[in-house]
Amino acid sequence: MILRIDIHTQEKDCWKWNVSATGGFSLKSAWEAIRHKGGSFEFQNLIWFPSHYPKMDACLLRAIQMKLPTKDKLHQWGILQNNTCVLCNLYPEAISRLFFDCRYTSYIWALCKLKLGLSQLISSLTTEAIMLNSVGI
């Protein structure tokens, strides 16, 4: 069976970008068409705001999500042989060790808390982010 196709010879052929309301192509409309539109997450106001540096934002986001490529993970994946903490050379390096458990970082956190007037113990990045988010920082 052959379908009938109407050809309008009076109209000029043109390209139309169906993603855009106007039919015109733009990089923004292409990005909107292909990007994953997930919902916001708990700490988005803490991480994403105009005066932050994108590299720092990405690092903080990966740290909060426990996705930093620390030595323990690189060792687990077979990329590194030695997984010892780079700061103290005593224990396996992990996110909690780098930010809280290592004697060097715990000293730095103690100084920061003293300078900022914080009295709460900080045990994880998530706990810290919740505290800062509740204060409105």
Protein backbone atom coordinates (compact mmCIF):
# COMPACT_ATOMS: atom_id res chain seq x y z
CA MET A 1 0.00 0.00 0.00
CA ILE A 2 1.37 3.42 -0.91
CA LEU A 3 0.61 6.37 1.33
CA ARG A 4 -0.26 9.64 -0.24
CA ILE A 5 2.23 12.40 0.43
CA ASP A 6 1.22 15.99 -0.19
CA ILE A 7 4.06 18.13 -1.44
CA HIS A 8 3.60 21.87 -1.13
CA THR A 9 5.69 23.42 -3.85
CA GLN A 10 4.80 26.96 -2.84
CA GLU A 11 6.54 26.68 0.55
CA LYS A 12 10.28 27.08 0.94
CA ASP A 13 12.18 24.19 2.55
CA CYS A 14 13.75 25.04 5.89
CA TRP A 15 15.23 23.37 8.93
CA LYS A 16 13.22 23.40 12.12
CA TRP A 17 14.62 22.57 15.58
CA ASN A 18 11.66 20.86 17.26
CA VAL A 19 13.15 21.21 20.75
CA SER A 20 12.88 25.01 20.67
CA ALA A 21 9.52 26.80 20.75
CA THR A 22 10.65 29.13 17.97
CA GLY A 23 12.15 26.35 15.84
CA GLY A 24 15.58 27.98 15.97
CA PHE A 25 18.69 26.17 17.15
CA SER A 26 20.81 27.42 20.04
CA LEU A 27 23.42 25.79 22.26
CA LYS A 28 21.18 26.44 25.26
CA SER A 29 18.26 24.59 23.65
CA ALA A 30 20.56 21.68 22.73
CA TRP A 31 21.90 21.52 26.30
CA GLU A 32 18.37 21.60 27.72
CA ALA A 33 17.40 18.77 25.35
CA ILE A 34 20.23 16.41 26.37
CA ARG A 35 20.91 17.16 30.03
CA HIS A 36 19.52 15.09 32.87
CA LYS A 37 17.10 17.24 34.82
CA GLY A 38 17.35 15.82 38.31
CA GLY A 39 15.86 17.43 41.34
CA SER A 40 17.80 19.63 43.68
CA PHE A 41 19.76 18.08 46.51
CA GLU A 42 19.96 18.94 50.17
CA PHE A 43 23.11 21.06 50.05
CA GLN A 44 22.74 22.87 46.73
CA ASN A 45 22.54 26.33 48.35
CA LEU A 46 25.69 25.59 50.33
CA ILE A 47 27.66 24.57 47.23
CA TRP A 48 26.27 26.50 44.26
CA PHE A 49 26.23 30.27 44.50
CA PRO A 50 27.81 33.04 42.39
CA SER A 51 31.01 33.77 44.32
CA HIS A 52 32.20 30.15 44.46
CA TYR A 53 34.87 28.75 42.17
CA PRO A 54 33.58 25.86 39.99
CA LYS A 55 36.55 23.58 40.76
CA MET A 56 36.02 24.05 44.50
CA ASP A 57 32.28 23.42 44.08
CA ALA A 58 32.91 20.19 42.21
CA CYS A 59 35.44 19.02 44.81
CA LEU A 60 33.09 19.82 47.70
CA LEU A 61 30.18 18.07 45.98
CA ARG A 62 32.27 14.96 45.35
CA ALA A 63 33.51 14.97 48.95
CA ILE A 64 29.99 15.24 50.40
CA GLN A 65 28.84 12.41 48.12
CA MET A 66 31.89 10.33 49.24
CA LYS A 67 33.16 10.16 45.63
CA LEU A 68 36.62 11.70 45.93
CA PRO A 69 39.32 9.44 44.46
CA THR A 70 41.20 8.93 47.72
CA LYS A 71 44.05 6.45 48.04
CA ASP A 72 41.84 3.76 49.60
CA LYS A 73 39.60 3.79 46.52
CA LEU A 74 42.51 3.96 44.08
CA HIS A 75 44.10 1.02 45.91
CA GLN A 76 40.81 -0.89 45.76
CA TRP A 77 40.61 -0.29 41.99
CA GLY A 78 44.18 -1.55 41.54
CA ILE A 79 45.59 1.83 40.50
CA LEU A 80 47.86 2.38 43.54
CA GLN A 81 49.88 -0.10 45.59
CA ASN A 82 50.23 2.10 48.67
CA ASN A 83 47.08 3.44 50.32
CA THR A 84 48.71 5.10 53.34
CA CYS A 85 47.51 8.59 54.33
CA VAL A 86 49.62 11.22 52.62
CA LEU A 87 49.55 13.45 55.72
CA CYS A 88 50.47 11.12 58.59
CA ASN A 89 51.73 7.96 56.83
CA LEU A 90 50.09 5.82 59.53
CA TYR A 91 46.65 4.67 58.36
CA PRO A 92 44.88 4.04 55.04
CA GLU A 93 43.79 7.28 53.39
CA ALA A 94 40.02 7.75 53.17
CA ILE A 95 37.74 10.78 53.04
CA SER A 96 37.07 10.70 56.77
CA ARG A 97 40.80 10.37 57.49
CA LEU A 98 41.76 13.24 55.20
CA PHE A 99 39.16 15.61 56.58
CA PHE A 100 38.71 14.57 60.22
CA ASP A 101 40.60 11.58 61.64
CA CYS A 102 44.18 12.44 60.72
CA ARG A 103 46.01 14.29 63.48
CA TYR A 104 47.01 17.05 61.04
CA THR A 105 43.51 17.70 59.74
CA SER A 106 41.94 17.48 63.19
CA TYR A 107 44.39 20.18 64.31
CA ILE A 108 43.44 22.38 61.34
CA TRP A 109 39.72 21.84 62.05
CA ALA A 110 40.29 22.75 65.70
CA LEU A 111 41.95 26.01 64.65
CA CYS A 112 39.16 26.78 62.17
CA LYS A 113 36.46 26.08 64.77
CA LEU A 114 38.27 28.30 67.27
CA LYS A 115 38.60 31.14 64.76
CA LEU A 116 34.96 30.85 63.63
CA GLY A 117 33.59 30.41 67.14
CA LEU A 118 32.19 26.95 66.48
CA SER A 119 31.95 24.61 69.42
CA GLN A 120 30.36 21.54 67.86
CA LEU A 121 32.38 18.46 67.09
CA ILE A 122 32.64 17.79 63.38
CA SER A 123 32.56 14.10 62.58
CA SER A 124 31.73 14.00 58.88
CA LEU A 125 31.34 16.27 55.88
CA THR A 126 27.62 15.59 55.77
CA THR A 127 27.21 16.58 59.43
CA GLU A 128 29.24 19.73 58.78
CA ALA A 129 27.19 20.58 55.69
CA ILE A 130 23.92 20.10 57.60
CA MET A 131 25.17 22.39 60.37
CA LEU A 132 26.33 25.10 57.94
CA ASN A 133 23.14 24.81 55.91
CA SER A 134 20.98 25.25 59.03
CA VAL A 135 22.95 28.34 60.07
CA GLY A 136 22.43 29.80 56.61
CA ILE A 137 26.04 29.93 55.49
